[in-house]
Amino acid sequence: MYQRLQRRLYEDESSIFLFEDARGIYGQAVDVIVINHMYACKEAGIPYTYHCDINLSKTATKIGEISLSIDSYKNLFYTGNIGFSIDEQHRGNKYAGKACQAIKLIAKSHNLNTLYITCK
């Protein structure tokens, strides 16, 4: 399932942040593949974020995208910690819910107890 390999340190003058060096979360229906990490820009209100593809399990068939924002900025109440989209032809199969359950493992590794979900 969740592959915890090592941690990468990000440090600026006001905070220290550890990204989990996860490559992906592999499930029975979908795989969540980490594509990149985006570091925060507090002035622009951009939180630390994981950007991931959602693939059909054990294939390279991309069926959507999901992102996880780590910070607890006040605007995350409106924009959400988890944002996702599923390609139209793959909707109705509960793939989004399964991807949210998978990415929750990364959220837990950052001690996030409450997550807000949005879709686009």
Protein backbone atom coordinates (compact mmCIF):
# COMPACT_ATOMS: atom_id res chain seq x y z
CA MET A 1 0.00 0.00 0.00
CA TYR A 2 1.57 3.31 1.11
CA GLN A 3 5.30 3.31 0.48
CA ARG A 4 7.12 5.50 2.99
CA LEU A 5 10.65 5.82 1.70
CA GLN A 6 12.34 8.83 3.24
CA ARG A 7 11.56 12.40 4.14
CA ARG A 8 12.71 15.50 2.36
CA LEU A 9 13.29 18.61 4.45
CA TYR A 10 11.98 22.01 3.40
CA GLU A 11 12.97 24.92 5.56
CA ASP A 12 12.39 28.65 5.34
CA GLU A 13 12.75 31.44 7.86
CA SER A 14 9.41 30.69 9.51
CA SER A 15 8.79 26.94 9.31
CA ILE A 16 10.15 23.47 8.81
CA PHE A 17 8.12 21.10 6.69
CA LEU A 18 8.71 17.44 5.85
CA PHE A 19 7.24 16.04 2.64
CA GLU A 20 6.69 12.31 2.72
CA ASP A 21 8.67 10.90 -0.18
CA ALA A 22 5.77 8.76 -1.32
CA ARG A 23 5.70 7.41 -4.85
CA GLY A 24 2.18 6.11 -4.74
CA ILE A 25 -0.61 4.35 -2.96
CA TYR A 26 -1.71 1.15 -4.67
CA GLY A 27 -5.20 -0.25 -4.15
CA GLN A 28 -7.54 -2.83 -5.62
CA ALA A 29 -9.53 -0.38 -7.79
CA VAL A 30 -7.27 2.68 -8.16
CA ASP A 31 -3.67 3.69 -7.72
CA VAL A 32 -2.81 7.21 -6.55
CA ILE A 33 0.54 8.17 -8.06
CA VAL A 34 2.40 11.18 -6.63
CA ILE A 35 3.43 13.39 -9.55
CA ASN A 36 5.00 16.32 -7.69
CA HIS A 37 5.09 18.39 -4.51
CA MET A 38 4.41 22.10 -4.42
CA TYR A 39 5.94 24.15 -1.63
CA ALA A 40 3.95 26.85 0.11
CA CYS A 41 3.87 30.52 -0.71
CA LYS A 42 2.26 32.14 2.31
CA GLU A 43 2.01 35.56 0.63
CA ALA A 44 -0.11 34.06 -2.17
CA GLY A 45 -2.04 31.77 0.20
CA ILE A 46 -0.70 28.61 -1.47
CA PRO A 47 -0.34 25.66 0.94
CA TYR A 48 2.09 22.71 0.81
CA THR A 49 0.50 20.36 -1.73
CA TYR A 50 0.87 16.87 -3.18
CA HIS A 51 -0.34 16.55 -6.80
CA CYS A 52 -1.28 13.02 -7.88
CA ASP A 53 -2.73 11.12 -10.81
CA ILE A 54 -5.51 8.59 -10.26
CA ASN A 55 -4.93 5.48 -12.38
CA LEU A 56 -6.90 2.30 -12.75
CA SER A 57 -5.23 -0.22 -10.48
CA LYS A 58 -2.09 -1.87 -11.86
CA THR A 59 -2.33 0.06 -15.16
CA ALA A 60 -1.04 3.31 -16.60
CA THR A 61 -4.59 4.36 -17.51
CA LYS A 62 -5.08 7.80 -15.97
CA ILE A 63 -8.70 8.40 -14.98
CA GLY A 64 -8.35 11.58 -12.94
CA GLU A 65 -6.35 13.74 -10.59
CA ILE A 66 -6.28 14.38 -6.85
CA SER A 67 -4.36 16.84 -4.71
CA LEU A 68 -3.75 17.08 -0.98
CA SER A 69 -3.01 20.41 0.71
CA ILE A 70 -1.30 20.05 4.05
CA ASP A 71 -1.48 23.44 5.76
CA SER A 72 -4.23 24.65 8.02
CA TYR A 73 -4.69 28.04 6.39
CA LYS A 74 -8.11 29.51 7.07
CA ASN A 75 -8.97 29.48 3.35
CA LEU A 76 -8.66 25.68 3.24
CA PHE A 77 -12.07 25.59 4.89
CA TYR A 78 -13.42 26.91 1.58
CA THR A 79 -10.95 25.48 -0.94
CA GLY A 80 -10.45 22.14 0.82
CA ASN A 81 -7.50 19.92 1.73
CA ILE A 82 -8.43 17.39 -0.96
CA GLY A 83 -9.41 18.38 -4.48
CA PHE A 84 -10.14 15.86 -7.22
CA SER A 85 -11.56 15.32 -10.65
CA ILE A 86 -12.52 12.10 -12.41
CA ASP A 87 -12.75 11.86 -16.21
CA GLU A 88 -16.38 11.80 -17.29
CA GLN A 89 -16.30 8.30 -18.80
CA HIS A 90 -15.07 6.85 -15.47
CA ARG A 91 -17.58 8.54 -13.17
CA GLY A 92 -20.11 6.47 -11.25
CA ASN A 93 -17.64 3.77 -10.19
CA LYS A 94 -16.74 5.22 -6.76
CA TYR A 95 -13.17 5.89 -7.93
CA ALA A 96 -13.10 9.35 -6.33
CA GLY A 97 -14.05 7.94 -2.92
CA LYS A 98 -11.42 5.23 -3.21
CA ALA A 99 -8.77 7.80 -4.19
CA CYS A 100 -9.77 9.98 -1.21
CA GLN A 101 -9.43 6.98 1.11
CA ALA A 102 -5.99 6.25 -0.34
CA ILE A 103 -4.65 9.80 -0.08
CA LYS A 104 -5.91 9.94 3.50
CA LEU A 105 -2.87 7.79 4.37
CA ILE A 106 -0.56 10.66 3.39
CA ALA A 107 -2.73 13.10 5.34
CA LYS A 108 -2.48 10.92 8.45
CA SER A 109 1.32 10.88 8.14
CA HIS A 110 1.14 14.68 8.52
CA ASN A 111 -1.18 14.40 11.54
CA LEU A 112 -4.20 15.90 9.75
CA ASN A 113 -7.27 14.79 11.68
CA THR A 114 -9.87 16.81 9.75
CA LEU A 115 -9.99 17.02 5.95
CA TYR A 116 -12.16 19.21 3.74
CA ILE A 117 -12.92 17.83 0.27
CA THR A 118 -13.75 19.79 -2.90
CA CYS A 119 -14.19 18.68 -6.48
CA LYS A 120 -13.70 20.52 -9.76
